[in-house]
Amino acid sequence: MAHSLSARKSIRQAAKRQVRNHGIKTEIRTRTKAVLSSIDSGEKQAAAEALKQLESKMDKALKKGVMEKNTVARKKSRLAKRLSALSA
């Protein structure tokens, strides 16, 4: 149990961040699945739109510190590569 006021506040803040981060990560996973399902079904236009929205969510997660910079770059790159392979 935290004894100082600042430690108690830190615990409260961490709990709020945990809830926020969980929601953001869940949204990103859901949108990633939408992109992959569009790619697998061959719907290039839908996949491109879904990827655009996913990249925006990932960039916001990066800005808030939910995800690491290299993780976001890697995931965006791999999905873009799969999308471009669809048209080739």
Protein backbone atom coordinates (compact mmCIF):
# COMPACT_ATOMS: atom_id res chain seq x y z
CA MET A 1 0.00 0.00 0.00
CA ALA A 2 1.30 3.41 -0.95
CA HIS A 3 1.92 5.75 1.95
CA SER A 4 2.66 9.15 0.44
CA LEU A 5 0.07 11.24 -1.34
CA SER A 6 2.13 11.34 -4.52
CA ALA A 7 2.40 7.55 -4.57
CA ARG A 8 -1.37 7.23 -4.14
CA LYS A 9 -1.95 9.69 -6.96
CA SER A 10 0.49 7.77 -9.14
CA ILE A 11 -1.50 4.59 -8.55
CA ARG A 12 -4.74 6.35 -9.52
CA GLN A 13 -3.16 7.75 -12.68
CA ALA A 14 -1.73 4.36 -13.64
CA ALA A 15 -5.16 2.76 -13.30
CA LYS A 16 -6.74 5.40 -15.57
CA ARG A 17 -3.98 5.00 -18.15
CA GLN A 18 -4.34 1.23 -18.07
CA VAL A 19 -8.03 1.45 -18.93
CA ARG A 20 -7.38 3.99 -21.70
CA ASN A 21 -4.48 2.01 -23.16
CA HIS A 22 -6.47 -1.22 -23.14
CA GLY A 23 -9.27 0.41 -25.11
CA ILE A 24 -6.88 1.85 -27.65
CA LYS A 25 -5.06 -1.46 -28.14
CA THR A 26 -8.37 -3.30 -28.53
CA GLU A 27 -9.49 -0.82 -31.19
CA ILE A 28 -6.21 -1.27 -33.06
CA ARG A 29 -6.49 -5.07 -32.98
CA THR A 30 -10.08 -4.88 -34.26
CA ARG A 31 -9.13 -2.56 -37.11
CA THR A 32 -6.13 -4.74 -37.97
CA LYS A 33 -8.42 -7.74 -38.33
CA ALA A 34 -10.71 -5.68 -40.58
CA VAL A 35 -7.77 -4.79 -42.85
CA LEU A 36 -6.59 -8.39 -43.01
CA SER A 37 -10.05 -9.74 -43.77
CA SER A 38 -10.47 -7.18 -46.57
CA ILE A 39 -7.10 -8.15 -48.01
CA ASP A 40 -7.91 -11.87 -47.78
CA SER A 41 -11.23 -11.39 -49.54
CA GLY A 42 -9.54 -9.35 -52.29
CA GLU A 43 -11.37 -6.09 -51.66
CA LYS A 44 -8.58 -3.65 -52.43
CA GLN A 45 -10.60 -0.44 -52.04
CA ALA A 46 -12.07 -1.48 -48.68
CA ALA A 47 -8.67 -2.66 -47.46
CA ALA A 48 -7.04 0.63 -48.44
CA GLU A 49 -9.67 2.63 -46.58
CA ALA A 50 -9.44 0.39 -43.51
CA LEU A 51 -5.65 0.65 -43.56
CA LYS A 52 -5.85 4.43 -43.70
CA GLN A 53 -8.06 4.49 -40.61
CA LEU A 54 -5.83 1.97 -38.83
CA GLU A 55 -2.70 4.02 -39.51
CA SER A 56 -4.41 7.06 -38.03
CA LYS A 57 -5.31 5.12 -34.87
CA MET A 58 -1.76 3.76 -34.61
CA ASP A 59 -0.27 7.23 -34.96
CA LYS A 60 -2.53 8.51 -32.19
CA ALA A 61 -1.54 5.57 -29.98
CA LEU A 62 2.10 6.38 -30.67
CA LYS A 63 1.53 10.00 -29.76
CA LYS A 64 -0.08 9.01 -26.45
CA GLY A 65 2.70 6.55 -25.62
CA VAL A 66 0.55 3.46 -25.90
CA MET A 67 2.72 1.90 -28.61
CA GLU A 68 6.40 2.11 -29.47
CA LYS A 69 7.58 3.94 -32.58
CA ASN A 70 9.23 0.93 -34.20
CA THR A 71 6.24 -1.32 -33.48
CA VAL A 72 3.90 1.09 -35.24
CA ALA A 73 6.28 1.45 -38.19
CA ARG A 74 6.69 -2.33 -38.50
CA LYS A 75 2.96 -3.06 -38.40
CA LYS A 76 2.11 -0.29 -40.87
CA SER A 77 4.84 -1.45 -43.23
CA ARG A 78 3.78 -5.10 -43.18
CA LEU A 79 0.14 -4.29 -43.80
CA ALA A 80 0.99 -1.87 -46.63
CA LYS A 81 3.20 -4.55 -48.17
CA ARG A 82 0.34 -7.07 -48.09
CA LEU A 83 -2.02 -4.51 -49.60
CA SER A 84 0.37 -3.71 -52.44
CA ALA A 85 0.89 -7.42 -53.10
CA LEU A 86 -2.88 -7.69 -53.58
CA SER A 87 -2.78 -5.41 -56.61
CA ALA A 88 0.30 -7.01 -58.14
